[in-house]
Amino acid sequence: MTASHTPASAVALPDFDPIAVEVFTNRLLAVTESMASNMMRASFSPQIKERRDFSVGIFDHRGQLIAQGTHIPVHLGSLLGAVEAVCSRYAPEDIRDGDVYMCNDPYAAGGTHLPDISIITPIFIGGLLVAFAANIGHHSDVGGPIPGSTSARARTIYEEGLRIPILRVARSHVVDEDVIALVALNSRLPQERALDLRVQVSTNAGGAIAVRALVARMGGIGAFHRAIDDVLAYTQRRAQRRIDNLTPGRHSFTTWLDDDGSGEGEPVPVVATLFVEEGKLVVDLAGSGPESKGALNVAESALRATVYYCVKAMLDRDLMANSGMARAIEIRAPQGSIVNPRPPAACGARTIACQRVAGAIFGAFRALVPRDRLMASSNDTLPQISFSGQLVDTDSFYLCGETLGGGGGARDDADGMDAIHVHVTNSLNLPSEVLENEFPLHVELYGLAEDSAGAGRHRGGLGIVREVRVLRGDTVMSSRSDSHFRGAEGAEGGGEGGRGLLLLNAGLPHEQKLASKVSQVVLARGDTVRIQTPGGAGFGDPAERPIEALADDLQDGVMSMAVAEKLYGAERARAARARLPARSV
């Protein structure tokens, strides 16, 4: 049985003024950027204020996305799903001025995983509902057995923390303190939860003021709604024109997860097939693995966000991320698979699988797009590591969590980027100074992972290596990653990207190699944990990489001489090394 998610599309698209559309769109984006700036500066959690793991958006009165701040792509699905859930749960006449809604559940409220809490605020003018302001923030902990509320080994969503359906967190512009207290009480960091939720409510209030000012400037609600219709129609038409120019035929690509999150069993395939049918781009994920026993399952909103990101990135990077784009795309995902799970399947570590879905779609696009859009696979995962414990001086609980980037895939005309987040993630790193100042941890090593770039005419990007020493005993460490057994796939003869690695007490006699997914590892004072993230794959035959470029790689520490000889041949590697003295002079 196949689930098909296809937004309704208009039969005939109206005429519009493209200049007016562009001006209106940028006005909306200015509103979202102002909301984002306020949320980042006012928040208390390092996840939001430092790593910027949040997003904001504006929706019309029908729940259609019209503008989203340029932040985390996977949040596109969470915000869209949350607003759609509000519109489904409440009839228009039941939505009142001063209401504010909250949710996080992937099955009941359009979320993607429980730590991402959405706040939705209806915007009224003269008693009429004209739009919604929405934001989503990653909350460090929402309960469950694992600090951080995310474990790849969770078997059901009931193990992942507090599930929040669509509910009112404010009425008549007054926040319901009982609801805030309920959420806070279920977190290991209750004060942080309460404060950040209030910031989210205030962020939307500021967005509502800006939208009302924009409507007044445009001359009223009618003009505002006509401009929205034009933006959505323009985006749909632009997307359909890009689709019309694709190479005909069905094109598939398969990539692999190390396991299903349980740490057991065989690698799990993720398959994407792309083709055009009745004017729409069809993304068919038939052939992907069964529902994950662990928490790698991709709920509907996360899948939609991943697909929309891929289409935007590969077809038209300037295409506006709104519901008009979605009308030109059809998603097919087999029910009961890892890309269309049934409740109560766990979804906490869904981003690892989302990254693989994106990699499969990018791979399938190779046969559809011009050469200047081709690229080898990137690290296509989202390594994460967290430390938690009690602070001795205050007897309070702390939680330090971070997701790390890796190597980008090489392209036909350039090397892959080093140490970046790819695909549906876009959060910043946690600065070492912040980590050491706020938590009883010390950063021993932080840099690029030598020898992690896939070989090719253009090499892949380098992964990251980070080693952290714990300064207090009984520190609890959890981590999730992938690509420990299979690296990123090269393109047109390019080599595999470097693989991930997790080591306890690296370089010591009692060094221990850990699995890619571990939970609640108790550390003693002085223990170190080293995480190395995967590199990007290479593009083209390694024998075609210029000697000058190899010399740069050796001089810059991209690779060791031994690896250069293995990947590019001893003769070429020695020729590159021979140039180094002259170049240094």
Protein backbone atom coordinates (compact mmCIF):
# COMPACT_ATOMS: atom_id res chain seq x y z
CA MET A 1 0.00 0.00 0.00
CA THR A 2 1.32 3.42 -0.95
CA ALA A 3 0.63 6.77 0.65
CA SER A 4 0.63 9.68 -1.79
CA HIS A 5 0.91 13.25 -0.55
CA THR A 6 -0.16 15.59 -3.35
CA PRO A 7 -1.31 19.13 -2.60
CA ALA A 8 -4.18 20.28 -4.81
CA SER A 9 -3.08 22.39 -7.77
CA ALA A 10 -5.01 24.94 -9.73
CA VAL A 11 -6.14 24.01 -13.23
CA ALA A 12 -5.40 27.46 -14.63
CA LEU A 13 -2.83 29.78 -13.11
CA PRO A 14 -3.75 33.48 -13.00
CA ASP A 15 -1.78 36.29 -14.55
CA PHE A 16 0.36 38.36 -12.19
CA ASP A 17 2.97 41.09 -12.07
CA PRO A 18 6.35 39.39 -11.44
CA ILE A 19 7.90 42.60 -10.09
CA ALA A 20 5.06 43.06 -7.60
CA VAL A 21 5.44 39.40 -6.60
CA GLU A 22 9.15 39.88 -5.92
CA VAL A 23 8.57 43.03 -3.87
CA PHE A 24 5.82 41.40 -1.81
CA THR A 25 7.89 38.28 -1.20
CA ASN A 26 10.81 40.30 0.08
CA ARG A 27 8.51 42.22 2.39
CA LEU A 28 7.35 38.92 3.85
CA LEU A 29 10.92 37.66 4.19
CA ALA A 30 11.82 40.87 6.02
CA VAL A 31 9.09 40.02 8.54
CA THR A 32 10.44 36.51 9.03
CA GLU A 33 14.03 37.70 9.38
CA SER A 34 12.95 40.19 12.05
CA MET A 35 11.13 37.40 13.89
CA ALA A 36 14.22 35.18 13.64
CA SER A 37 16.52 37.88 14.97
CA ASN A 38 14.26 38.51 17.96
CA MET A 39 13.94 34.80 18.75
CA MET A 40 17.68 34.20 18.55
CA ARG A 41 18.60 37.15 20.77
CA ALA A 42 15.92 36.58 23.40
CA SER A 43 16.20 32.80 23.84
CA PHE A 44 17.95 31.17 26.79
CA SER A 45 18.92 27.77 25.39
CA PRO A 46 22.28 27.42 23.60
CA GLN A 47 20.43 25.30 21.03
CA ILE A 48 18.58 28.40 19.85
CA LYS A 49 20.74 31.37 20.78
CA GLU A 50 24.10 29.83 19.78
CA ARG A 51 23.36 26.99 17.33
CA ARG A 52 20.25 28.65 15.83
CA ASP A 53 18.30 25.42 15.72
CA PHE A 54 14.98 27.14 15.03
CA SER A 55 12.87 28.52 12.18
CA VAL A 56 10.04 30.99 11.64
CA GLY A 57 7.36 31.36 8.98
CA ILE A 58 4.27 33.23 7.81
CA PHE A 59 1.17 31.38 6.55
CA ASP A 60 -2.04 32.65 4.99
CA HIS A 61 -5.48 32.24 6.55
CA ARG A 62 -5.90 28.86 4.82
CA GLY A 63 -2.70 27.46 6.33
CA GLN A 64 -0.59 27.77 3.17
CA LEU A 65 3.07 28.61 3.66
CA ILE A 66 3.95 31.94 2.05
CA ALA A 67 7.35 32.77 3.59
CA GLN A 68 9.91 31.04 5.80
CA GLY A 69 13.09 32.40 7.28
CA THR A 70 16.29 30.95 5.82
CA HIS A 71 17.20 28.58 8.64
CA ILE A 72 16.68 24.82 9.02
CA PRO A 73 15.18 23.13 5.92
CA VAL A 74 13.65 20.20 7.85
CA HIS A 75 11.65 22.72 9.88
CA LEU A 76 9.81 23.61 6.69
CA GLY A 77 7.83 20.41 7.14
CA SER A 78 7.30 20.88 10.88
CA LEU A 79 5.89 24.38 10.54
CA LEU A 80 3.75 23.47 7.54
CA GLY A 81 2.45 20.34 9.25
CA ALA A 82 1.74 22.19 12.50
CA VAL A 83 -0.29 24.96 10.86
CA GLU A 84 -2.18 22.42 8.77
CA ALA A 85 -2.93 20.52 11.98
CA VAL A 86 -4.35 23.68 13.59
CA CYS A 87 -6.58 24.32 10.57
CA SER A 88 -7.72 20.68 10.63
CA ARG A 89 -8.35 20.61 14.38
CA TYR A 90 -10.28 23.89 14.58
CA ALA A 91 -12.90 25.37 12.27
CA PRO A 92 -12.19 29.01 11.28
CA GLU A 93 -14.94 30.28 13.59
CA ASP A 94 -13.31 28.47 16.53
CA ILE A 95 -9.95 30.22 16.03
CA ARG A 96 -10.05 33.47 17.99
CA ASP A 97 -7.98 36.60 18.24
CA GLY A 98 -5.54 36.15 21.11
CA ASP A 99 -5.26 32.37 20.74
CA VAL A 100 -1.81 30.80 20.58
CA TYR A 101 -1.32 27.10 19.79
CA MET A 102 1.49 24.69 20.66
CA CYS A 103 2.37 21.20 19.40
CA ASN A 104 5.21 18.78 18.68
CA ASP A 105 3.76 15.35 17.88
CA PRO A 106 4.75 13.76 14.52
CA TYR A 107 1.54 11.75 14.23
CA ALA A 108 -1.09 13.95 15.89
CA ALA A 109 0.17 17.43 15.07
CA GLY A 110 2.40 17.47 11.98
CA GLY A 111 5.72 17.50 13.81
CA THR A 112 8.92 15.66 12.91
CA HIS A 113 10.28 14.75 16.37
CA LEU A 114 9.33 15.66 19.92
CA PRO A 115 12.14 18.11 20.88
CA ASP A 116 10.99 20.49 18.12
CA ILE A 117 8.08 22.46 19.62
CA SER A 118 6.00 24.67 17.31
CA ILE A 119 4.10 27.78 18.37
CA ILE A 120 1.35 29.05 16.02
CA THR A 121 -0.40 32.40 16.39
CA PRO A 122 -3.43 33.44 14.30
CA ILE A 123 -3.33 37.05 13.08
CA PHE A 124 -6.59 39.01 13.01
CA ILE A 125 -7.48 42.38 11.52
CA GLY A 126 -10.88 43.85 12.19
CA GLY A 127 -12.13 40.54 13.52
CA LEU A 128 -11.05 38.61 10.40
CA LEU A 129 -8.39 35.89 10.33
CA VAL A 130 -5.81 36.99 7.74
CA ALA A 131 -2.69 34.92 8.45
CA PHE A 132 -0.68 32.84 10.93
CA ALA A 133 2.73 33.54 12.43
CA ALA A 134 4.62 30.39 13.38
CA ASN A 135 7.96 29.39 14.80
CA ILE A 136 9.66 26.21 15.89
CA GLY A 137 12.55 25.75 18.29
CA HIS A 138 14.63 22.74 19.27
CA HIS A 139 14.24 22.19 23.01
CA SER A 140 17.18 20.46 24.64
CA ASP A 141 15.06 18.06 26.66
CA VAL A 142 11.36 17.14 26.72
CA GLY A 143 11.60 14.10 28.99
CA GLY A 144 11.98 10.41 28.29
CA PRO A 145 14.68 8.04 29.56
CA ILE A 146 17.57 9.64 27.64
CA PRO A 147 18.83 13.16 28.44
CA GLY A 148 18.15 15.17 25.30
CA SER A 149 15.05 13.09 24.48
CA THR A 150 16.58 11.53 21.38
CA SER A 151 18.02 8.05 21.10
CA ALA A 152 18.39 6.17 17.83
CA ARG A 153 17.62 2.98 19.78
CA ALA A 154 14.18 4.05 21.03
CA ARG A 155 11.59 1.50 19.91
CA THR A 156 8.41 3.60 20.17
CA ILE A 157 7.53 7.28 20.40
CA TYR A 158 6.40 6.68 23.97
CA GLU A 159 10.07 6.38 24.92
CA GLU A 160 10.97 9.75 23.42
CA GLY A 161 9.41 12.28 25.76
CA LEU A 162 6.33 14.46 26.13
CA ARG A 163 3.87 14.27 23.21
CA ILE A 164 1.99 17.53 22.66
CA PRO A 165 -1.08 17.53 20.39
CA ILE A 166 -2.54 20.78 19.09
CA LEU A 167 -3.52 22.73 22.19
CA ARG A 168 -4.01 26.35 23.21
CA VAL A 169 -1.16 27.82 25.21
CA ALA A 170 -2.80 31.26 25.31
CA ARG A 171 -6.31 32.70 25.16
CA SER A 172 -7.20 36.37 24.74
CA HIS A 173 -3.46 37.16 24.59
CA VAL A 174 -2.92 35.65 28.07
CA VAL A 175 -0.47 32.75 28.34
CA ASP A 176 -1.79 29.70 30.17
CA GLU A 177 0.81 29.20 32.89
CA ASP A 178 -0.57 25.74 33.64
CA VAL A 179 0.33 24.54 30.14
CA ILE A 180 3.82 26.04 30.39
CA ALA A 181 4.28 24.38 33.78
CA LEU A 182 3.18 21.01 32.41
CA VAL A 183 5.79 21.10 29.64
CA ALA A 184 8.50 22.40 31.97
CA LEU A 185 7.85 19.73 34.58
CA ASN A 186 8.45 17.01 32.00
CA SER A 187 11.92 18.37 31.16
CA ARG A 188 15.22 17.92 32.96
CA LEU A 189 15.73 21.65 32.33
CA PRO A 190 12.38 23.12 33.41
CA GLN A 191 13.40 26.77 33.70
CA GLU A 192 14.98 26.74 30.24
CA ARG A 193 11.81 25.19 28.74
CA ALA A 194 9.51 27.73 30.35
CA LEU A 195 11.62 30.70 29.31
CA ASP A 196 12.13 29.58 25.71
CA LEU A 197 8.42 28.84 25.24
CA ARG A 198 7.57 32.36 26.36
CA VAL A 199 10.14 33.72 23.91
CA GLN A 200 8.47 31.74 21.13
CA VAL A 201 5.07 33.20 22.00
CA SER A 202 6.53 36.72 22.04
CA THR A 203 8.30 36.15 18.72
CA ASN A 204 5.00 35.45 17.00
CA ALA A 205 3.39 38.48 18.64
CA GLY A 206 6.07 40.64 17.03
CA GLY A 207 5.50 38.95 13.69
CA ALA A 208 1.77 39.61 13.95
CA ILE A 209 2.40 43.33 14.47
CA ALA A 210 4.62 43.39 11.37
CA VAL A 211 2.03 41.55 9.24
CA ARG A 212 -0.73 43.97 10.29
CA ALA A 213 1.51 46.89 9.31
CA LEU A 214 2.20 45.25 5.94
CA VAL A 215 -1.53 44.73 5.28
CA ALA A 216 -2.23 48.39 6.10
CA ARG A 217 0.59 49.51 3.82
CA MET A 218 -0.84 47.43 0.96
CA GLY A 219 -4.28 48.97 1.31
CA GLY A 220 -6.20 46.25 3.08
CA ILE A 221 -6.92 42.55 3.47
CA GLY A 222 -8.13 42.05 -0.09
CA ALA A 223 -4.90 43.34 -1.61
CA PHE A 224 -2.90 41.21 0.83
CA HIS A 225 -4.73 38.01 -0.11
CA ARG A 226 -4.50 38.75 -3.85
CA ALA A 227 -0.74 39.22 -3.46
CA ILE A 228 -0.52 35.85 -1.68
CA ASP A 229 -2.40 34.13 -4.51
CA ASP A 230 -0.02 35.71 -7.02
CA VAL A 231 3.07 34.57 -5.09
CA LEU A 232 1.85 30.98 -4.86
CA ALA A 233 0.81 30.91 -8.53
CA TYR A 234 4.13 32.39 -9.64
CA THR A 235 6.10 29.85 -7.59
CA GLN A 236 4.05 26.95 -8.95
CA ARG A 237 4.48 28.11 -12.54
CA ARG A 238 8.22 28.62 -12.09
CA ALA A 239 8.61 25.15 -10.56
CA GLN A 240 6.59 23.53 -13.35
CA ARG A 241 8.75 25.19 -16.01
CA ARG A 242 11.87 23.76 -14.38
CA ILE A 243 10.21 20.35 -14.28
CA ASP A 244 9.26 20.59 -17.96
CA ASN A 245 12.96 21.00 -18.82
CA LEU A 246 14.08 17.80 -17.08
CA THR A 247 15.48 14.88 -19.06
CA PRO A 248 12.66 12.38 -19.75
CA GLY A 249 12.64 8.94 -18.13
CA ARG A 250 12.67 7.27 -14.71
CA HIS A 251 15.89 7.55 -12.75
CA SER A 252 16.67 5.81 -9.45
CA PHE A 253 19.41 5.93 -6.85
CA THR A 254 19.98 3.79 -3.76
CA THR A 255 21.92 4.71 -0.66
CA TRP A 256 22.27 2.84 2.63
CA LEU A 257 21.95 3.32 6.37
CA ASP A 258 24.37 1.32 8.55
CA ASP A 259 21.42 -0.17 10.45
CA ASP A 260 17.84 0.59 11.46
CA GLY A 261 18.81 2.44 14.62
CA SER A 262 18.62 -0.61 16.84
CA GLY A 263 22.32 -1.30 16.32
CA GLU A 264 21.40 -4.69 14.91
CA GLY A 265 20.69 -6.24 11.54
CA GLU A 266 21.72 -5.50 7.99
CA PRO A 267 22.15 -2.14 6.23
CA VAL A 268 18.86 -0.47 5.30
CA PRO A 269 18.29 0.75 1.71
CA VAL A 270 16.86 4.17 0.92
CA VAL A 271 15.67 4.34 -2.69
CA ALA A 272 14.46 7.36 -4.67
CA THR A 273 13.02 7.22 -8.19
CA LEU A 274 12.24 10.46 -10.02
CA PHE A 275 10.08 10.98 -13.10
CA VAL A 276 7.58 13.44 -14.53
CA GLU A 277 3.92 12.46 -14.67
CA GLU A 278 1.04 14.70 -15.77
CA GLY A 279 3.22 17.77 -15.40
CA LYS A 280 4.34 17.01 -11.85
CA LEU A 281 7.65 15.79 -10.54
CA VAL A 282 7.04 12.45 -8.85
CA VAL A 283 9.39 11.40 -6.05
CA ASP A 284 8.77 7.69 -5.46
CA LEU A 285 10.49 6.04 -2.50
CA ALA A 286 9.33 2.48 -3.22
CA GLY A 287 12.07 -0.02 -2.40
CA SER A 288 13.17 1.79 0.76
CA GLY A 289 13.62 -0.34 3.85
CA PRO A 290 10.92 -1.37 6.30
CA GLU A 291 9.85 0.64 9.31
CA SER A 292 12.85 1.11 11.58
CA LYS A 293 13.01 -0.79 14.84
CA GLY A 294 14.92 2.20 16.18
CA ALA A 295 14.15 5.92 15.96
CA LEU A 296 15.22 6.56 12.36
CA ASN A 297 11.68 6.68 10.99
CA VAL A 298 10.73 9.68 8.86
CA ALA A 299 7.24 11.01 9.60
CA GLU A 300 5.22 12.69 6.86
CA SER A 301 6.19 16.28 7.66
CA ALA A 302 9.89 15.43 7.76
CA LEU A 303 9.63 13.61 4.43
CA ARG A 304 7.84 16.50 2.76
CA ALA A 305 10.42 18.97 4.00
CA THR A 306 13.27 16.80 2.73
CA VAL A 307 11.74 16.41 -0.72
CA TYR A 308 10.90 20.11 -1.05
CA TYR A 309 14.45 21.05 -0.07
CA CYS A 310 15.91 18.69 -2.69
CA VAL A 311 13.70 20.01 -5.47
CA LYS A 312 14.53 23.60 -4.62
CA ALA A 313 18.26 22.89 -4.38
CA MET A 314 18.51 20.89 -7.61
CA LEU A 315 16.02 22.68 -9.86
CA ASP A 316 16.10 26.33 -8.84
CA ARG A 317 17.92 27.62 -5.79
CA ASP A 318 16.01 30.91 -5.98
CA LEU A 319 12.63 29.17 -5.97
CA MET A 320 10.57 30.46 -3.07
CA ALA A 321 9.94 27.90 -0.34
CA ASN A 322 6.16 28.12 -0.15
CA SER A 323 3.08 26.03 -0.81
CA GLY A 324 3.11 26.96 -4.51
CA MET A 325 6.26 24.89 -4.97
CA ALA A 326 4.60 21.92 -3.25
CA ARG A 327 1.76 21.90 -5.79
CA ALA A 328 4.20 20.87 -8.51
CA ILE A 329 5.48 17.81 -6.61
CA GLU A 330 3.98 14.43 -5.77
CA ILE A 331 5.50 12.22 -3.08
CA ARG A 332 4.90 8.48 -2.98
CA ALA A 333 6.04 6.52 0.04
CA PRO A 334 5.10 2.92 0.92
CA GLN A 335 3.11 2.71 4.12
CA GLY A 336 4.94 0.87 6.87
CA SER A 337 8.36 1.76 5.48
CA ILE A 338 11.09 3.82 7.11
CA VAL A 339 9.86 6.79 5.04
CA ASN A 340 6.19 6.40 5.98
CA PRO A 341 5.99 4.83 9.45
CA ARG A 342 2.88 3.92 11.38
CA PRO A 343 2.38 5.07 14.96
CA PRO A 344 3.81 4.48 17.47
CA ALA A 345 7.11 4.06 15.57
CA ALA A 346 9.91 6.18 17.07
CA CYS A 347 11.03 9.25 15.08
CA GLY A 348 13.53 11.00 17.34
CA ALA A 349 16.64 10.44 15.20
CA ARG A 350 14.75 11.01 11.96
CA THR A 351 17.32 13.45 10.60
CA ILE A 352 19.82 10.64 9.95
CA ALA A 353 17.32 8.98 7.61
CA CYS A 354 16.19 12.35 6.16
CA GLN A 355 19.79 12.98 5.14
CA ARG A 356 19.89 9.61 3.39
CA VAL A 357 16.62 10.39 1.61
CA ALA A 358 18.12 13.67 0.42
CA GLY A 359 21.24 11.84 -0.76
CA ALA A 360 19.14 9.35 -2.71
CA ILE A 361 17.12 12.13 -4.36
CA PHE A 362 20.28 14.06 -5.23
CA GLY A 363 21.72 10.86 -6.71
CA ALA A 364 18.61 10.28 -8.84
CA PHE A 365 18.77 13.88 -10.06
CA ARG A 366 22.20 13.22 -11.61
CA ALA A 367 20.50 11.79 -14.71
CA LEU A 368 18.01 14.67 -14.93
CA VAL A 369 19.95 17.91 -14.55
CA PRO A 370 22.81 19.66 -16.41
CA ARG A 371 26.42 18.90 -15.50
CA ASP A 372 26.84 22.10 -13.54
CA ARG A 373 24.33 20.71 -11.00
CA LEU A 374 25.97 17.29 -10.61
CA MET A 375 27.67 16.38 -7.36
CA ALA A 376 28.91 13.30 -5.55
CA SER A 377 27.30 12.25 -2.29
CA SER A 378 28.00 14.31 0.81
CA ASN A 379 28.36 12.89 4.31
CA ASP A 380 24.52 12.57 4.24
CA THR A 381 24.06 12.02 7.96
CA LEU A 382 23.82 14.15 11.09
CA PRO A 383 26.33 13.14 13.76
CA GLN A 384 25.24 14.19 17.24
CA ILE A 385 26.84 13.96 20.65
CA SER A 386 25.60 15.00 24.07
CA PHE A 387 26.97 15.14 27.60
CA SER A 388 24.89 15.52 30.75
CA GLY A 389 25.20 15.34 34.51
CA GLN A 390 24.93 17.28 37.75
CA LEU A 391 26.77 20.51 38.48
CA VAL A 392 28.46 20.09 41.85
CA ASP A 393 28.37 23.76 42.88
CA THR A 394 24.65 24.31 42.20
CA ASP A 395 23.39 20.70 42.22
CA SER A 396 21.53 21.50 39.00
CA PHE A 397 21.31 19.36 35.90
CA TYR A 398 23.17 20.29 32.73
CA LEU A 399 22.88 19.05 29.16
CA CYS A 400 25.30 19.89 26.36
CA GLY A 401 24.20 18.66 22.94
CA GLU A 402 25.52 19.38 19.48
CA THR A 403 25.13 18.20 15.92
CA LEU A 404 28.22 18.31 13.74
CA GLY A 405 28.83 18.82 10.05
CA GLY A 406 30.99 16.76 7.75
CA GLY A 407 32.35 16.73 4.22
CA GLY A 408 30.38 17.97 1.23
CA GLY A 409 30.35 16.03 -2.02
CA ALA A 410 32.63 17.11 -4.85
CA ARG A 411 31.13 18.60 -8.01
CA ASP A 412 32.03 18.41 -11.67
CA ASP A 413 33.87 21.71 -11.39
CA ALA A 414 35.00 21.99 -7.76
CA ASP A 415 36.15 20.16 -4.64
CA GLY A 416 33.61 19.46 -1.93
CA MET A 417 33.30 21.89 0.96
CA ASP A 418 34.98 20.99 4.24
CA ALA A 419 33.22 20.73 7.61
CA ILE A 420 29.71 21.82 6.70
CA HIS A 421 26.15 20.85 7.48
CA VAL A 422 24.45 19.50 4.38
CA HIS A 423 20.91 19.00 3.13
CA VAL A 424 18.10 19.45 5.65
CA THR A 425 20.24 20.68 8.56
CA ASN A 426 21.78 24.11 8.84
CA SER A 427 22.59 24.76 12.50
CA LEU A 428 25.80 26.37 13.67
CA ASN A 429 28.49 24.63 15.66
CA LEU A 430 28.65 25.20 19.39
CA PRO A 431 31.75 27.37 19.94
CA SER A 432 34.39 25.75 22.12
CA GLU A 433 34.48 28.84 24.33
CA VAL A 434 30.76 28.57 25.03
CA LEU A 435 30.97 24.82 25.66
CA GLU A 436 33.81 25.21 28.15
CA ASN A 437 32.25 28.23 29.87
CA GLU A 438 28.79 26.73 30.41
CA PHE A 439 29.58 23.06 31.04
CA PRO A 440 32.20 21.01 32.97
CA LEU A 441 33.86 19.96 29.71
CA HIS A 442 37.14 20.75 27.96
CA VAL A 443 37.75 20.65 24.21
CA GLU A 444 41.01 18.77 23.60
CA LEU A 445 40.83 18.76 19.80
CA TYR A 446 38.66 20.45 17.20
CA GLY A 447 39.57 20.50 13.53
CA LEU A 448 39.37 18.88 10.13
CA ALA A 449 39.63 15.12 9.87
CA GLU A 450 42.73 14.36 7.81
CA ASP A 451 42.34 11.63 5.15
CA SER A 452 38.53 11.78 5.20
CA ALA A 453 38.07 13.30 1.72
CA GLY A 454 36.94 10.98 -1.07
CA ALA A 455 39.45 10.83 -3.95
CA GLY A 456 38.61 12.13 -7.40
CA ARG A 457 39.37 14.63 -10.12
CA HIS A 458 37.76 16.86 -7.54
CA ARG A 459 38.08 15.61 -3.97
CA GLY A 460 35.30 15.43 -1.42
CA GLY A 461 35.15 17.70 1.58
CA LEU A 462 36.78 16.86 4.90
CA GLY A 463 34.86 15.71 7.93
CA ILE A 464 35.27 17.10 11.45
CA VAL A 465 37.09 15.64 14.44
CA ARG A 466 36.21 16.81 17.93
CA GLU A 467 37.55 15.43 21.19
CA VAL A 468 36.05 16.43 24.51
CA ARG A 469 37.36 15.67 28.01
CA VAL A 470 34.86 15.44 30.87
CA LEU A 471 35.82 17.26 34.06
CA ARG A 472 33.27 15.64 36.38
CA GLY A 473 32.62 12.00 37.16
CA ASP A 474 29.36 10.26 36.34
CA THR A 475 28.96 12.27 33.15
CA VAL A 476 26.51 10.59 30.77
CA MET A 477 27.33 10.56 27.06
CA SER A 478 25.05 9.62 24.17
CA SER A 479 25.79 9.80 20.47
CA ARG A 480 24.18 8.93 17.17
CA SER A 481 25.69 8.93 13.70
CA ASP A 482 25.97 6.74 10.62
CA SER A 483 28.36 5.89 7.77
CA HIS A 484 30.65 3.92 10.06
CA PHE A 485 30.58 0.96 7.66
CA ARG A 486 29.99 2.59 4.29
CA GLY A 487 31.14 6.03 3.14
CA ALA A 488 29.53 8.55 0.80
CA GLU A 489 29.16 7.32 -2.79
CA GLY A 490 31.43 8.86 -5.43
CA ALA A 491 30.29 10.05 -8.86
CA GLU A 492 31.76 9.25 -12.29
CA GLY A 493 34.63 7.23 -10.85
CA GLY A 494 35.15 9.28 -7.70
CA GLY A 495 36.12 7.57 -4.47
CA GLU A 496 34.12 6.89 -1.32
CA GLY A 497 34.15 9.52 1.41
CA GLY A 498 35.80 8.85 4.75
CA ARG A 499 33.77 6.99 7.36
CA GLY A 500 32.62 8.08 10.79
CA LEU A 501 34.31 7.04 14.02
CA LEU A 502 33.58 7.29 17.75
CA LEU A 503 36.38 6.58 20.23
CA LEU A 504 36.53 6.53 24.01
CA ASN A 505 39.94 7.58 25.41
CA ALA A 506 41.58 7.74 21.97
CA GLY A 507 45.29 7.01 21.86
CA LEU A 508 45.44 5.46 25.32
CA PRO A 509 46.05 1.78 26.15
CA HIS A 510 42.41 1.41 27.13
CA GLU A 511 41.07 3.07 23.96
CA GLN A 512 37.62 1.74 23.02
CA LYS A 513 35.88 1.93 19.66
CA LEU A 514 32.17 2.61 20.12
CA ALA A 515 29.23 1.90 17.85
CA SER A 516 27.71 4.65 15.72
CA LYS A 517 24.68 4.81 18.03
CA VAL A 518 25.18 4.63 21.80
CA SER A 519 23.11 5.79 24.76
CA GLN A 520 23.85 6.59 28.39
CA VAL A 521 27.55 5.74 28.45
CA VAL A 522 28.74 6.72 31.94
CA LEU A 523 32.14 8.45 31.92
CA ALA A 524 34.68 8.94 34.66
CA ARG A 525 36.44 12.21 35.32
CA GLY A 526 39.21 12.68 32.76
CA ASP A 527 37.73 10.38 30.13
CA THR A 528 37.76 11.70 26.57
CA VAL A 529 35.36 11.11 23.70
CA ARG A 530 36.48 11.66 20.13
CA ILE A 531 33.91 11.86 17.35
CA GLN A 532 34.97 11.94 13.70
CA THR A 533 32.34 12.75 11.11
CA PRO A 534 32.24 11.32 7.57
CA GLY A 535 33.83 13.05 4.60
CA GLY A 536 32.33 13.82 1.21
CA ALA A 537 32.81 11.63 -1.86
CA GLY A 538 35.00 12.45 -4.86
CA PHE A 539 33.90 13.34 -8.39
CA GLY A 540 35.66 11.95 -11.46
CA ASP A 541 38.66 9.67 -11.93
CA PRO A 542 41.34 10.28 -9.25
CA ALA A 543 43.98 9.83 -11.96
CA GLU A 544 42.76 13.10 -13.48
CA ARG A 545 43.40 15.22 -10.39
CA PRO A 546 46.15 17.72 -11.25
CA ILE A 547 49.51 17.23 -9.54
CA GLU A 548 49.32 20.85 -8.41
CA ALA A 549 46.06 20.11 -6.58
CA LEU A 550 47.61 17.04 -4.94
CA ALA A 551 50.52 19.16 -3.78
CA ASP A 552 48.04 21.62 -2.24
CA ASP A 553 46.31 18.72 -0.45
CA LEU A 554 49.59 17.49 1.03
CA GLN A 555 50.74 20.93 2.07
CA ASP A 556 47.39 21.83 3.64
CA GLY A 557 47.11 18.57 5.60
CA VAL A 558 44.08 17.34 3.67
CA MET A 559 45.71 13.95 3.40
CA SER A 560 48.82 12.12 4.54
CA MET A 561 51.45 10.90 2.12
CA ALA A 562 50.48 7.29 2.76
CA VAL A 563 46.85 7.91 1.83
CA ALA A 564 47.84 9.99 -1.19
CA GLU A 565 49.89 7.06 -2.49
CA LYS A 566 47.01 4.65 -1.88
CA LEU A 567 44.30 6.75 -3.51
CA TYR A 568 46.18 8.54 -6.27
CA GLY A 569 49.12 6.21 -6.93
CA ALA A 570 52.62 6.26 -5.54
CA GLU A 571 54.17 7.92 -8.59
CA ARG A 572 51.72 10.83 -8.70
CA ALA A 573 51.84 11.32 -4.94
CA ARG A 574 55.64 11.51 -4.99
CA ALA A 575 55.53 13.94 -7.88
CA ALA A 576 53.19 16.14 -5.82
CA ARG A 577 55.44 15.94 -2.76
CA ALA A 578 58.43 16.90 -4.88
CA ARG A 579 56.81 20.26 -5.53
CA LEU A 580 56.41 21.16 -1.90
CA PRO A 581 59.92 22.55 -1.15
CA ALA A 582 59.85 24.83 -4.18
CA ARG A 583 56.33 25.96 -3.33
CA SER A 584 57.30 26.66 0.27
CA VAL A 585 60.18 28.87 -0.84
